[in-house]
């Protein structure tokens, strides 16, 4: 299983990774945990519109956008909290 993704030079350790193709475009879905300590950096990153996506273990690099986003918690400002994130990225031209 793929263990890491790099979004705009920010490394994220994954708990799940799925890859598929839709309409000739690469689509990846990832799951990862976000701690209260990482919350601000990760949410700020995910507000960016376009991502340089790198999956080193698959030698995969592409530009993509978020097409689906789910989280178990929406406020990780409380100390010692962990949220589970699920994000789907779709390749763009």
C-alpha atoms as a PDB file:
ATOM      1  CA  UNK A   1       0.000   0.000   0.000  1.00  0.00           C
ATOM      2  CA  UNK A   2       1.100   3.558  -0.711  1.00  0.00           C
ATOM      3  CA  UNK A   3       2.219   5.169   2.545  1.00  0.00           C
ATOM      4  CA  UNK A   4       2.843   8.800   1.545  1.00  0.00           C
ATOM      5  CA  UNK A   5       1.663  11.558  -0.767  1.00  0.00           C
ATOM      6  CA  UNK A   6       3.288  14.937  -1.336  1.00  0.00           C
ATOM      7  CA  UNK A   7       0.963  17.882  -2.013  1.00  0.00           C
ATOM      8  CA  UNK A   8       2.698  21.103  -3.057  1.00  0.00           C
ATOM      9  CA  UNK A   9       5.867  19.906  -1.249  1.00  0.00           C
ATOM     10  CA  UNK A  10       3.933  18.986   1.960  1.00  0.00           C
ATOM     11  CA  UNK A  11       4.338  15.317   2.950  1.00  0.00           C
ATOM     12  CA  UNK A  12       1.300  13.471   4.288  1.00  0.00           C
ATOM     13  CA  UNK A  13       1.415   9.964   5.769  1.00  0.00           C
ATOM     14  CA  UNK A  14      -1.515   7.893   4.480  1.00  0.00           C
ATOM     15  CA  UNK A  15      -3.748   5.265   6.045  1.00  0.00           C
ATOM     16  CA  UNK A  16      -5.370   4.322   2.718  1.00  0.00           C
ATOM     17  CA  UNK A  17      -4.796   4.923  -1.013  1.00  0.00           C
ATOM     18  CA  UNK A  18      -6.932   4.111  -4.047  1.00  0.00           C
ATOM     19  CA  UNK A  19      -6.174   4.869  -7.691  1.00  0.00           C
ATOM     20  CA  UNK A  20      -8.446   4.725 -10.732  1.00  0.00           C
ATOM     21  CA  UNK A  21      -9.119   6.397 -14.067  1.00  0.00           C
ATOM     22  CA  UNK A  22     -12.283   8.329 -14.934  1.00  0.00           C
ATOM     23  CA  UNK A  23     -12.890   9.879 -18.348  1.00  0.00           C
ATOM     24  CA  UNK A  24      -9.208   9.505 -19.207  1.00  0.00           C
ATOM     25  CA  UNK A  25      -8.052  11.290 -16.042  1.00  0.00           C
ATOM     26  CA  UNK A  26      -6.228   9.883 -13.061  1.00  0.00           C
ATOM     27  CA  UNK A  27      -8.230   9.932  -9.811  1.00  0.00           C
ATOM     28  CA  UNK A  28      -6.734   9.121  -6.424  1.00  0.00           C
ATOM     29  CA  UNK A  29      -8.530   8.864  -3.102  1.00  0.00           C
ATOM     30  CA  UNK A  30      -6.503   9.060   0.090  1.00  0.00           C
ATOM     31  CA  UNK A  31      -7.212   8.770   3.790  1.00  0.00           C
ATOM     32  CA  UNK A  32      -5.005  10.202   6.515  1.00  0.00           C
ATOM     33  CA  UNK A  33      -5.071  11.309  10.127  1.00  0.00           C
ATOM     34  CA  UNK A  34      -4.616  14.941  11.125  1.00  0.00           C
ATOM     35  CA  UNK A  35      -3.653  15.870  14.669  1.00  0.00           C
ATOM     36  CA  UNK A  36      -4.588  19.109  16.373  1.00  0.00           C
ATOM     37  CA  UNK A  37      -0.927  20.128  15.999  1.00  0.00           C
ATOM     38  CA  UNK A  38      -1.050  19.670  12.180  1.00  0.00           C
ATOM     39  CA  UNK A  39      -4.590  20.989  11.708  1.00  0.00           C
ATOM     40  CA  UNK A  40      -3.796  24.573  10.695  1.00  0.00           C
ATOM     41  CA  UNK A  41      -1.096  23.610   8.178  1.00  0.00           C
ATOM     42  CA  UNK A  42      -3.163  20.853   6.585  1.00  0.00           C
ATOM     43  CA  UNK A  43      -6.392  22.838   6.299  1.00  0.00           C
ATOM     44  CA  UNK A  44      -4.525  25.834   4.879  1.00  0.00           C
ATOM     45  CA  UNK A  45      -2.923  23.509   2.325  1.00  0.00           C
ATOM     46  CA  UNK A  46      -6.263  21.951   1.349  1.00  0.00           C
ATOM     47  CA  UNK A  47      -7.737  25.404   0.618  1.00  0.00           C
ATOM     48  CA  UNK A  48      -5.300  25.769  -2.279  1.00  0.00           C
ATOM     49  CA  UNK A  49      -7.043  25.414  -5.625  1.00  0.00           C
ATOM     50  CA  UNK A  50      -4.546  23.388  -7.680  1.00  0.00           C
ATOM     51  CA  UNK A  51      -2.076  20.843  -6.336  1.00  0.00           C
ATOM     52  CA  UNK A  52       1.228  19.441  -7.540  1.00  0.00           C
ATOM     53  CA  UNK A  53       0.643  15.830  -6.532  1.00  0.00           C
ATOM     54  CA  UNK A  54       3.520  13.427  -6.090  1.00  0.00           C
ATOM     55  CA  UNK A  55       3.142   9.768  -5.095  1.00  0.00           C
ATOM     56  CA  UNK A  56       6.802   8.694  -4.784  1.00  0.00           C
ATOM     57  CA  UNK A  57       6.059   4.973  -4.298  1.00  0.00           C
ATOM     58  CA  UNK A  58       4.177   4.895  -7.627  1.00  0.00           C
ATOM     59  CA  UNK A  59       6.549   7.314  -9.438  1.00  0.00           C
ATOM     60  CA  UNK A  60       3.397   9.352 -10.109  1.00  0.00           C
ATOM     61  CA  UNK A  61       3.308  13.136 -10.560  1.00  0.00           C
ATOM     62  CA  UNK A  62       0.404  15.224 -11.834  1.00  0.00           C
ATOM     63  CA  UNK A  63      -1.578  18.416 -11.317  1.00  0.00           C
ATOM     64  CA  UNK A  64      -4.922  17.901  -9.652  1.00  0.00           C
ATOM     65  CA  UNK A  65      -7.874  19.444  -7.853  1.00  0.00           C
ATOM     66  CA  UNK A  66      -9.975  18.233  -4.938  1.00  0.00           C
ATOM     67  CA  UNK A  67     -13.202  16.635  -6.137  1.00  0.00           C
ATOM     68  CA  UNK A  68     -14.336  15.158  -2.812  1.00  0.00           C
ATOM     69  CA  UNK A  69     -13.443  16.003   0.783  1.00  0.00           C
ATOM     70  CA  UNK A  70     -14.675  14.478   4.036  1.00  0.00           C
ATOM     71  CA  UNK A  71     -13.476  14.761   7.621  1.00  0.00           C
ATOM     72  CA  UNK A  72     -14.558  13.199  10.895  1.00  0.00           C
ATOM     73  CA  UNK A  73     -13.965  16.431  12.857  1.00  0.00           C
ATOM     74  CA  UNK A  74     -14.225  20.023  11.724  1.00  0.00           C
ATOM     75  CA  UNK A  75     -12.494  21.668  14.691  1.00  0.00           C
ATOM     76  CA  UNK A  76      -9.149  20.281  15.713  1.00  0.00           C
ATOM     77  CA  UNK A  77      -8.099  23.362  17.645  1.00  0.00           C
ATOM     78  CA  UNK A  78      -8.695  21.427  20.870  1.00  0.00           C
ATOM     79  CA  UNK A  79      -5.447  19.816  22.019  1.00  0.00           C
ATOM     80  CA  UNK A  80      -4.807  16.077  21.518  1.00  0.00           C
ATOM     81  CA  UNK A  81      -7.584  15.600  18.933  1.00  0.00           C
ATOM     82  CA  UNK A  82      -7.169  13.505  15.771  1.00  0.00           C
ATOM     83  CA  UNK A  83      -9.378  13.839  12.722  1.00  0.00           C
ATOM     84  CA  UNK A  84      -9.706  11.327   9.917  1.00  0.00           C
ATOM     85  CA  UNK A  85      -9.600  12.941   6.484  1.00  0.00           C
ATOM     86  CA  UNK A  86     -10.653  11.468   3.145  1.00  0.00           C
ATOM     87  CA  UNK A  87      -9.762  13.446   0.016  1.00  0.00           C
ATOM     88  CA  UNK A  88     -10.176  12.640  -3.666  1.00  0.00           C
ATOM     89  CA  UNK A  89      -7.992  14.372  -6.246  1.00  0.00           C
ATOM     90  CA  UNK A  90      -8.691  14.410  -9.979  1.00  0.00           C
ATOM     91  CA  UNK A  91      -6.044  15.117 -12.601  1.00  0.00           C
ATOM     92  CA  UNK A  92      -6.357  18.330 -14.616  1.00  0.00           C
ATOM     93  CA  UNK A  93      -4.659  19.338 -17.863  1.00  0.00           C
END
